[in-house]
Amino acid sequence: GISSTGLENMSVSSIGILFAQEAIGGSLVGLAIGYLGFK
């Protein structure tokens, strides 16, 4: 994402948000999928 957008067009916070969205979001969705399947 940084490579396609350009580092100069991205702030540290936007990079952090992108990382967190993928990592934390994926873990939470996985937890929801697991719980739904369990029920």
PDB file of all heavy atoms in Angstrom:
ATOM      1  N   GLY A   1       0.820  -1.214   0.000  1.00  0.00           N
ATOM      2  CA  GLY A   1       0.000   0.000   0.000  1.00  0.00           C
ATOM      3  C   GLY A   1       0.853   1.261   0.000  1.00  0.00           C
ATOM      4  O   GLY A   1       0.562   2.227  -0.703  1.00  0.00           O
ATOM      5  N   ILE A   2       1.932   1.234   0.809  1.00  0.00           N
ATOM      6  CA  ILE A   2       2.861   2.369   0.846  1.00  0.00           C
ATOM      7  C   ILE A   2       3.521   2.543  -0.506  1.00  0.00           C
ATOM      8  O   ILE A   2       3.679   3.660  -1.017  1.00  0.00           O
ATOM      9  CB  ILE A   2       3.926   2.158   1.936  1.00  0.00           C
ATOM     10  CG1 ILE A   2       3.273   2.139   3.323  1.00  0.00           C
ATOM     11  CG2 ILE A   2       4.997   3.254   1.872  1.00  0.00           C
ATOM     12  CD1 ILE A   2       4.225   1.735   4.429  1.00  0.00           C
ATOM     13  N   SER A   3       3.912   1.413  -1.133  1.00  0.00           N
ATOM     14  CA  SER A   3       4.591   1.457  -2.428  1.00  0.00           C
ATOM     15  C   SER A   3       3.694   2.038  -3.516  1.00  0.00           C
ATOM     16  O   SER A   3       4.147   2.840  -4.343  1.00  0.00           O
ATOM     17  CB  SER A   3       5.029   0.036  -2.819  1.00  0.00           C
ATOM     18  OG  SER A   3       5.635   0.022  -4.089  1.00  0.00           O
ATOM     19  N   SER A   4       2.417   1.654  -3.517  1.00  0.00           N
ATOM     20  CA  SER A   4       1.515   2.135  -4.561  1.00  0.00           C
ATOM     21  C   SER A   4       1.067   3.574  -4.323  1.00  0.00           C
ATOM     22  O   SER A   4       0.872   4.345  -5.266  1.00  0.00           O
ATOM     23  CB  SER A   4       0.279   1.216  -4.646  1.00  0.00           C
ATOM     24  OG  SER A   4      -0.408   1.196  -3.408  1.00  0.00           O
ATOM     25  N   THR A   5       0.908   3.948  -3.035  1.00  0.00           N
ATOM     26  CA  THR A   5       0.453   5.299  -2.700  1.00  0.00           C
ATOM     27  C   THR A   5       1.606   6.296  -2.667  1.00  0.00           C
ATOM     28  O   THR A   5       1.431   7.474  -3.006  1.00  0.00           O
ATOM     29  CB  THR A   5      -0.271   5.307  -1.329  1.00  0.00           C
ATOM     30  OG1 THR A   5      -1.309   4.333  -1.357  1.00  0.00           O
ATOM     31  CG2 THR A   5      -0.852   6.663  -1.017  1.00  0.00           C
ATOM     32  N   GLY A   6       2.782   5.804  -2.261  1.00  0.00           N
ATOM     33  CA  GLY A   6       3.931   6.700  -2.080  1.00  0.00           C
ATOM     34  C   GLY A   6       4.082   7.049  -0.620  1.00  0.00           C
ATOM     35  O   GLY A   6       3.113   7.467   0.024  1.00  0.00           O
ATOM     36  N   LEU A   7       5.283   6.863  -0.086  1.00  0.00           N
ATOM     37  CA  LEU A   7       5.519   7.114   1.333  1.00  0.00           C
ATOM     38  C   LEU A   7       5.214   8.553   1.720  1.00  0.00           C
ATOM     39  O   LEU A   7       4.734   8.837   2.820  1.00  0.00           O
ATOM     40  CB  LEU A   7       6.981   6.774   1.682  1.00  0.00           C
ATOM     41  CG  LEU A   7       7.375   6.859   3.160  1.00  0.00           C
ATOM     42  CD1 LEU A   7       6.515   5.911   3.991  1.00  0.00           C
ATOM     43  CD2 LEU A   7       8.856   6.529   3.340  1.00  0.00           C
ATOM     44  N   GLU A   8       5.476   9.471   0.778  1.00  0.00           N
ATOM     45  CA  GLU A   8       5.244  10.887   1.059  1.00  0.00           C
ATOM     46  C   GLU A   8       3.761  11.210   1.221  1.00  0.00           C
ATOM     47  O   GLU A   8       3.398  12.236   1.803  1.00  0.00           O
ATOM     48  CB  GLU A   8       5.856  11.753  -0.055  1.00  0.00           C
ATOM     49  CG  GLU A   8       5.203  11.631  -1.426  1.00  0.00           C
ATOM     50  CD  GLU A   8       5.662  10.409  -2.212  1.00  0.00           C
ATOM     51  OE1 GLU A   8       6.503   9.660  -1.669  1.00  0.00           O
ATOM     52  OE2 GLU A   8       5.188  10.211  -3.345  1.00  0.00           O
ATOM     53  N   ASN A   9       2.887  10.329   0.704  1.00  0.00           N
ATOM     54  CA  ASN A   9       1.448  10.556   0.794  1.00  0.00           C
ATOM     55  C   ASN A   9       0.790   9.833   1.970  1.00  0.00           C
ATOM     56  O   ASN A   9      -0.432   9.838   2.107  1.00  0.00           O
ATOM     57  CB  ASN A   9       0.773  10.107  -0.505  1.00  0.00           C
ATOM     58  CG  ASN A   9       1.238  10.908  -1.704  1.00  0.00           C
ATOM     59  OD1 ASN A   9       1.434  12.115  -1.599  1.00  0.00           O
ATOM     60  ND2 ASN A   9       1.447  10.245  -2.828  1.00  0.00           N
ATOM     61  N   MET A  10       1.619   9.186   2.798  1.00  0.00           N
ATOM     62  CA  MET A  10       1.085   8.444   3.926  1.00  0.00           C
ATOM     63  C   MET A  10       1.756   8.888   5.219  1.00  0.00           C
ATOM     64  O   MET A  10       2.966   9.097   5.259  1.00  0.00           O
ATOM     65  CB  MET A  10       1.293   6.929   3.744  1.00  0.00           C
ATOM     66  CG  MET A  10       0.553   6.339   2.553  1.00  0.00           C
ATOM     67  SD  MET A  10       0.578   4.529   2.538  1.00  0.00           S
ATOM     68  CE  MET A  10      -0.582   4.140   3.848  1.00  0.00           C
ATOM     69  N   SER A  11       0.980   9.043   6.267  1.00  0.00           N
ATOM     70  CA  SER A  11       1.513   9.404   7.569  1.00  0.00           C
ATOM     71  C   SER A  11       1.733   8.148   8.406  1.00  0.00           C
ATOM     72  O   SER A  11       1.271   7.065   8.062  1.00  0.00           O
ATOM     73  CB  SER A  11       0.522  10.328   8.297  1.00  0.00           C
ATOM     74  OG  SER A  11      -0.698   9.650   8.534  1.00  0.00           O
ATOM     75  N   VAL A  12       2.447   8.305   9.513  1.00  0.00           N
ATOM     76  CA  VAL A  12       2.687   7.175  10.410  1.00  0.00           C
ATOM     77  C   VAL A  12       1.364   6.629  10.934  1.00  0.00           C
ATOM     78  O   VAL A  12       1.161   5.412  11.036  1.00  0.00           O
ATOM     79  CB  VAL A  12       3.592   7.612  11.592  1.00  0.00           C
ATOM     80  CG1 VAL A  12       3.734   6.474  12.604  1.00  0.00           C
ATOM     81  CG2 VAL A  12       4.957   8.043  11.077  1.00  0.00           C
ATOM     82  N   SER A  13       0.422   7.530  11.233  1.00  0.00           N
ATOM     83  CA  SER A  13      -0.879   7.099  11.758  1.00  0.00           C
ATOM     84  C   SER A  13      -1.668   6.301  10.724  1.00  0.00           C
ATOM     85  O   SER A  13      -2.309   5.296  11.057  1.00  0.00           O
ATOM     86  CB  SER A  13      -1.694   8.307  12.215  1.00  0.00           C
ATOM     87  OG  SER A  13      -1.928   9.197  11.133  1.00  0.00           O
ATOM     88  N   SER A  14      -1.613   6.732   9.456  1.00  0.00           N
ATOM     89  CA  SER A  14      -2.359   6.011   8.411  1.00  0.00           C
ATOM     90  C   SER A  14      -1.768   4.624   8.182  1.00  0.00           C
ATOM     91  O   SER A  14      -2.504   3.667   7.922  1.00  0.00           O
ATOM     92  CB  SER A  14      -2.364   6.808   7.106  1.00  0.00           C
ATOM     93  OG  SER A  14      -1.055   6.975   6.595  1.00  0.00           O
ATOM     94  N   ILE A  15      -0.430   4.510   8.283  1.00  0.00           N
ATOM     95  CA  ILE A  15       0.218   3.204   8.156  1.00  0.00           C
ATOM     96  C   ILE A  15      -0.195   2.304   9.316  1.00  0.00           C
ATOM     97  O   ILE A  15      -0.509   1.120   9.137  1.00  0.00           O
ATOM     98  CB  ILE A  15       1.758   3.355   8.114  1.00  0.00           C
ATOM     99  CG1 ILE A  15       2.182   4.102   6.837  1.00  0.00           C
ATOM    100  CG2 ILE A  15       2.444   1.989   8.182  1.00  0.00           C
ATOM    101  CD1 ILE A  15       3.644   4.476   6.803  1.00  0.00           C
ATOM    102  N   GLY A  16      -0.212   2.888  10.527  1.00  0.00           N
ATOM    103  CA  GLY A  16      -0.623   2.138  11.709  1.00  0.00           C
ATOM    104  C   GLY A  16      -2.063   1.671  11.622  1.00  0.00           C
ATOM    105  O   GLY A  16      -2.399   0.541  11.998  1.00  0.00           O
ATOM    106  N   ILE A  17      -2.922   2.540  11.101  1.00  0.00           N
ATOM    107  CA  ILE A  17      -4.350   2.185  10.966  1.00  0.00           C
ATOM    108  C   ILE A  17      -4.523   1.049   9.956  1.00  0.00           C
ATOM    109  O   ILE A  17      -5.308   0.114  10.175  1.00  0.00           O
ATOM    110  CB  ILE A  17      -5.170   3.421  10.542  1.00  0.00           C
ATOM    111  CG1 ILE A  17      -5.233   4.427  11.694  1.00  0.00           C
ATOM    112  CG2 ILE A  17      -6.572   3.013  10.104  1.00  0.00           C
ATOM    113  CD1 ILE A  17      -5.826   5.766  11.308  1.00  0.00           C
ATOM    114  N   LEU A  18      -3.793   1.131   8.850  1.00  0.00           N
ATOM    115  CA  LEU A  18      -3.866   0.081   7.827  1.00  0.00           C
ATOM    116  C   LEU A  18      -3.435  -1.259   8.399  1.00  0.00           C
ATOM    117  O   LEU A  18      -4.097  -2.289   8.201  1.00  0.00           O
ATOM    118  CB  LEU A  18      -2.994   0.459   6.621  1.00  0.00           C
ATOM    119  CG  LEU A  18      -2.900  -0.574   5.485  1.00  0.00           C
ATOM    120  CD1 LEU A  18      -4.280  -0.834   4.890  1.00  0.00           C
ATOM    121  CD2 LEU A  18      -1.932  -0.084   4.406  1.00  0.00           C
ATOM    122  N   PHE A  19      -2.324  -1.248   9.159  1.00  0.00           N
ATOM    123  CA  PHE A  19      -1.819  -2.468   9.791  1.00  0.00           C
ATOM    124  C   PHE A  19      -2.823  -3.016  10.801  1.00  0.00           C
ATOM    125  O   PHE A  19      -3.130  -4.210  10.821  1.00  0.00           O
ATOM    126  CB  PHE A  19      -0.468  -2.193  10.460  1.00  0.00           C
ATOM    127  CG  PHE A  19       0.197  -3.416  11.036  1.00  0.00           C
ATOM    128  CD1 PHE A  19       1.062  -4.169  10.252  1.00  0.00           C
ATOM    129  CD2 PHE A  19      -0.036  -3.818  12.345  1.00  0.00           C
ATOM    130  CE1 PHE A  19       1.676  -5.302  10.771  1.00  0.00           C
ATOM    131  CE2 PHE A  19       0.565  -4.940  12.873  1.00  0.00           C
ATOM    132  CZ  PHE A  19       1.432  -5.686  12.084  1.00  0.00           C
ATOM    133  N   ALA A  20      -3.347  -2.127  11.647  1.00  0.00           N
ATOM    134  CA  ALA A  20      -4.290  -2.549  12.689  1.00  0.00           C
ATOM    135  C   ALA A  20      -5.582  -3.072  12.083  1.00  0.00           C
ATOM    136  O   ALA A  20      -6.171  -4.049  12.580  1.00  0.00           O
ATOM    137  CB  ALA A  20      -4.581  -1.376  13.623  1.00  0.00           C
ATOM    138  N   GLN A  21      -6.047  -2.430  11.017  1.00  0.00           N
ATOM    139  CA  GLN A  21      -7.284  -2.876  10.364  1.00  0.00           C
ATOM    140  C   GLN A  21      -7.139  -4.305   9.881  1.00  0.00           C
ATOM    141  O   GLN A  21      -8.042  -5.137  10.079  1.00  0.00           O
ATOM    142  CB  GLN A  21      -7.614  -1.963   9.182  1.00  0.00           C
ATOM    143  CG  GLN A  21      -8.837  -2.423   8.372  1.00  0.00           C
ATOM    144  CD  GLN A  21      -9.062  -1.585   7.121  1.00  0.00           C
ATOM    145  OE1 GLN A  21      -8.743  -0.406   7.102  1.00  0.00           O
ATOM    146  NE2 GLN A  21      -9.582  -2.192   6.083  1.00  0.00           N
ATOM    147  N   GLU A  22      -6.014  -4.609   9.252  1.00  0.00           N
ATOM    148  CA  GLU A  22      -5.791  -5.955   8.736  1.00  0.00           C
ATOM    149  C   GLU A  22      -5.625  -6.961   9.873  1.00  0.00           C
ATOM    150  O   GLU A  22      -6.278  -8.008   9.897  1.00  0.00           O
ATOM    151  CB  GLU A  22      -4.542  -5.966   7.839  1.00  0.00           C
ATOM    152  CG  GLU A  22      -4.716  -5.297   6.495  1.00  0.00           C
ATOM    153  CD  GLU A  22      -5.434  -6.189   5.495  1.00  0.00           C
ATOM    154  OE1 GLU A  22      -5.495  -7.406   5.726  1.00  0.00           O
ATOM    155  OE2 GLU A  22      -5.940  -5.669   4.489  1.00  0.00           O
ATOM    156  N   ALA A  23      -4.733  -6.651  10.841  1.00  0.00           N
ATOM    157  CA  ALA A  23      -4.379  -7.622  11.878  1.00  0.00           C
ATOM    158  C   ALA A  23      -5.476  -7.784  12.930  1.00  0.00           C
ATOM    159  O   ALA A  23      -5.968  -8.895  13.158  1.00  0.00           O
ATOM    160  CB  ALA A  23      -3.063  -7.206  12.537  1.00  0.00           C
ATOM    161  N   ILE A  24      -5.853  -6.672  13.561  1.00  0.00           N
ATOM    162  CA  ILE A  24      -6.861  -6.751  14.625  1.00  0.00           C
ATOM    163  C   ILE A  24      -8.231  -7.099  14.031  1.00  0.00           C
ATOM    164  O   ILE A  24      -8.966  -7.928  14.584  1.00  0.00           O
ATOM    165  CB  ILE A  24      -6.933  -5.427  15.400  1.00  0.00           C
ATOM    166  CG1 ILE A  24      -5.576  -5.133  16.061  1.00  0.00           C
ATOM    167  CG2 ILE A  24      -8.034  -5.475  16.450  1.00  0.00           C
ATOM    168  CD1 ILE A  24      -5.499  -3.779  16.739  1.00  0.00           C
ATOM    169  N   GLY A  25      -8.544  -6.481  12.895  1.00  0.00           N
ATOM    170  CA  GLY A  25      -9.820  -6.776  12.234  1.00  0.00           C
ATOM    171  C   GLY A  25      -9.936  -8.243  11.867  1.00  0.00           C
ATOM    172  O   GLY A  25     -10.978  -8.876  12.080  1.00  0.00           O
ATOM    173  N   GLY A  26      -8.860  -8.808  11.318  1.00  0.00           N
ATOM    174  CA  GLY A  26      -8.878 -10.218  10.941  1.00  0.00           C
ATOM    175  C   GLY A  26      -9.081 -11.127  12.143  1.00  0.00           C
ATOM    176  O   GLY A  26      -9.850 -12.098  12.082  1.00  0.00           O
ATOM    177  N   SER A  27      -8.403 -10.823  13.247  1.00  0.00           N
ATOM    178  CA  SER A  27      -8.540 -11.636  14.464  1.00  0.00           C
ATOM    179  C   SER A  27      -9.969 -11.576  15.010  1.00  0.00           C
ATOM    180  O   SER A  27     -10.534 -12.599  15.421  1.00  0.00           O
ATOM    181  CB  SER A  27      -7.549 -11.150  15.529  1.00  0.00           C
ATOM    182  OG  SER A  27      -6.217 -11.250  15.065  1.00  0.00           O
ATOM    183  N   LEU A  28     -10.559 -10.371  15.018  1.00  0.00           N
ATOM    184  CA  LEU A  28     -11.929 -10.221  15.534  1.00  0.00           C
ATOM    185  C   LEU A  28     -12.949 -10.931  14.644  1.00  0.00           C
ATOM    186  O   LEU A  28     -13.875 -11.574  15.140  1.00  0.00           O
ATOM    187  CB  LEU A  28     -12.279  -8.735  15.661  1.00  0.00           C
ATOM    188  CG  LEU A  28     -11.523  -7.958  16.746  1.00  0.00           C
ATOM    189  CD1 LEU A  28     -11.879  -6.476  16.689  1.00  0.00           C
ATOM    190  CD2 LEU A  28     -11.830  -8.526  18.131  1.00  0.00           C
ATOM    191  N   VAL A  29     -12.764 -10.820  13.326  1.00  0.00           N
ATOM    192  CA  VAL A  29     -13.672 -11.518  12.403  1.00  0.00           C
ATOM    193  C   VAL A  29     -13.535 -13.030  12.575  1.00  0.00           C
ATOM    194  O   VAL A  29     -14.529 -13.769  12.567  1.00  0.00           O
ATOM    195  CB  VAL A  29     -13.387 -11.105  10.942  1.00  0.00           C
ATOM    196  CG1 VAL A  29     -14.160 -12.001   9.972  1.00  0.00           C
ATOM    197  CG2 VAL A  29     -13.777  -9.647  10.715  1.00  0.00           C
ATOM    198  N   GLY A  30     -12.296 -13.497  12.756  1.00  0.00           N
ATOM    199  CA  GLY A  30     -12.068 -14.928  12.982  1.00  0.00           C
ATOM    200  C   GLY A  30     -12.757 -15.411  14.244  1.00  0.00           C
ATOM    201  O   GLY A  30     -13.341 -16.509  14.274  1.00  0.00           O
ATOM    202  N   LEU A  31     -12.711 -14.586  15.284  1.00  0.00           N
ATOM    203  CA  LEU A  31     -13.390 -14.929  16.546  1.00  0.00           C
ATOM    204  C   LEU A  31     -14.908 -15.005  16.341  1.00  0.00           C
ATOM    205  O   LEU A  31     -15.571 -15.925  16.840  1.00  0.00           O
ATOM    206  CB  LEU A  31     -13.051 -13.883  17.605  1.00  0.00           C
ATOM    207  CG  LEU A  31     -13.433 -14.199  19.058  1.00  0.00           C
ATOM    208  CD1 LEU A  31     -12.719 -15.447  19.541  1.00  0.00           C
ATOM    209  CD2 LEU A  31     -13.111 -13.016  19.959  1.00  0.00           C
ATOM    210  N   ALA A  32     -15.430 -14.063  15.579  1.00  0.00           N
ATOM    211  CA  ALA A  32     -16.876 -14.058  15.301  1.00  0.00           C
ATOM    212  C   ALA A  32     -17.280 -15.272  14.463  1.00  0.00           C
ATOM    213  O   ALA A  32     -18.315 -15.908  14.721  1.00  0.00           O
ATOM    214  CB  ALA A  32     -17.253 -12.764  14.568  1.00  0.00           C
ATOM    215  N   ILE A  33     -16.460 -15.615  13.470  1.00  0.00           N
ATOM    216  CA  ILE A  33     -16.748 -16.786  12.633  1.00  0.00           C
ATOM    217  C   ILE A  33     -16.712 -18.061  13.475  1.00  0.00           C
ATOM    218  O   ILE A  33     -17.583 -18.929  13.371  1.00  0.00           O
ATOM    219  CB  ILE A  33     -15.723 -16.886  11.478  1.00  0.00           C
ATOM    220  CG1 ILE A  33     -15.919 -15.725  10.496  1.00  0.00           C
ATOM    221  CG2 ILE A  33     -15.845 -18.228  10.752  1.00  0.00           C
ATOM    222  CD1 ILE A  33     -14.783 -15.585   9.498  1.00  0.00           C
ATOM    223  N   GLY A  34     -15.682 -18.165  14.326  1.00  0.00           N
ATOM    224  CA  GLY A  34     -15.560 -19.336  15.184  1.00  0.00           C
ATOM    225  C   GLY A  34     -16.737 -19.476  16.131  1.00  0.00           C
ATOM    226  O   GLY A  34     -17.270 -20.574  16.325  1.00  0.00           O
ATOM    227  N   TYR A  35     -17.170 -18.358  16.710  1.00  0.00           N
ATOM    228  CA  TYR A  35     -18.285 -18.390  17.666  1.00  0.00           C
ATOM    229  C   TYR A  35     -19.592 -18.751  16.967  1.00  0.00           C
ATOM    230  O   TYR A  35     -20.390 -19.558  17.478  1.00  0.00           O
ATOM    231  CB  TYR A  35     -18.427 -17.032  18.359  1.00  0.00           C
ATOM    232  CG  TYR A  35     -19.535 -16.995  19.391  1.00  0.00           C
ATOM    233  CD1 TYR A  35     -19.381 -17.598  20.635  1.00  0.00           C
ATOM    234  CD2 TYR A  35     -20.744 -16.362  19.108  1.00  0.00           C
ATOM    235  CE1 TYR A  35     -20.406 -17.585  21.575  1.00  0.00           C
ATOM    236  CE2 TYR A  35     -21.775 -16.331  20.042  1.00  0.00           C
ATOM    237  CZ  TYR A  35     -21.592 -16.941  21.271  1.00  0.00           C
ATOM    238  OH  TYR A  35     -22.611 -16.932  22.196  1.00  0.00           O
ATOM    239  N   LEU A  36     -19.821 -18.173  15.779  1.00  0.00           N
ATOM    240  CA  LEU A  36     -21.040 -18.480  15.027  1.00  0.00           C
ATOM    241  C   LEU A  36     -21.075 -19.956  14.644  1.00  0.00           C
ATOM    242  O   LEU A  36     -22.105 -20.632  14.786  1.00  0.00           O
ATOM    243  CB  LEU A  36     -21.120 -17.604  13.774  1.00  0.00           C
ATOM    244  CG  LEU A  36     -22.312 -17.847  12.842  1.00  0.00           C
ATOM    245  CD1 LEU A  36     -23.628 -17.613  13.581  1.00  0.00           C
ATOM    246  CD2 LEU A  36     -22.211 -16.965  11.606  1.00  0.00           C
ATOM    247  N   GLY A  37     -19.937 -20.463  14.159  1.00  0.00           N
ATOM    248  CA  GLY A  37     -19.865 -21.878  13.810  1.00  0.00           C
ATOM    249  C   GLY A  37     -20.110 -22.766  15.019  1.00  0.00           C
ATOM    250  O   GLY A  37     -20.793 -23.792  14.936  1.00  0.00           O
ATOM    251  N   PHE A  38     -19.542 -22.364  16.161  1.00  0.00           N
ATOM    252  CA  PHE A  38     -19.724 -23.102  17.412  1.00  0.00           C
ATOM    253  C   PHE A  38     -21.209 -23.182  17.790  1.00  0.00           C
ATOM    254  O   PHE A  38     -21.723 -24.255  18.127  1.00  0.00           O
ATOM    255  CB  PHE A  38     -18.914 -22.411  18.518  1.00  0.00           C
ATOM    256  CG  PHE A  38     -19.312 -22.804  19.917  1.00  0.00           C
ATOM    257  CD1 PHE A  38     -18.931 -24.025  20.448  1.00  0.00           C
ATOM    258  CD2 PHE A  38     -20.061 -21.941  20.710  1.00  0.00           C
ATOM    259  CE1 PHE A  38     -19.305 -24.386  21.729  1.00  0.00           C
ATOM    260  CE2 PHE A  38     -20.432 -22.288  22.007  1.00  0.00           C
ATOM    261  CZ  PHE A  38     -20.056 -23.528  22.511  1.00  0.00           C
ATOM    262  N   LYS A  39     -21.916 -22.059  17.740  1.00  0.00           N
ATOM    263  CA  LYS A  39     -23.335 -22.034  18.106  1.00  0.00           C
ATOM    264  C   LYS A  39     -24.167 -22.886  17.153  1.00  0.00           C
ATOM    265  O   LYS A  39     -25.099 -23.600  17.583  1.00  0.00           O
ATOM    266  CB  LYS A  39     -23.856 -20.595  18.117  1.00  0.00           C
ATOM    267  CG  LYS A  39     -23.212 -19.690  19.163  1.00  0.00           C
ATOM    268  CD  LYS A  39     -23.501 -20.136  20.579  1.00  0.00           C
ATOM    269  CE  LYS A  39     -24.912 -19.848  20.997  1.00  0.00           C
ATOM    270  NZ  LYS A  39     -25.165 -20.173  22.430  1.00  0.00           N
TER     271      LYS A  39
END
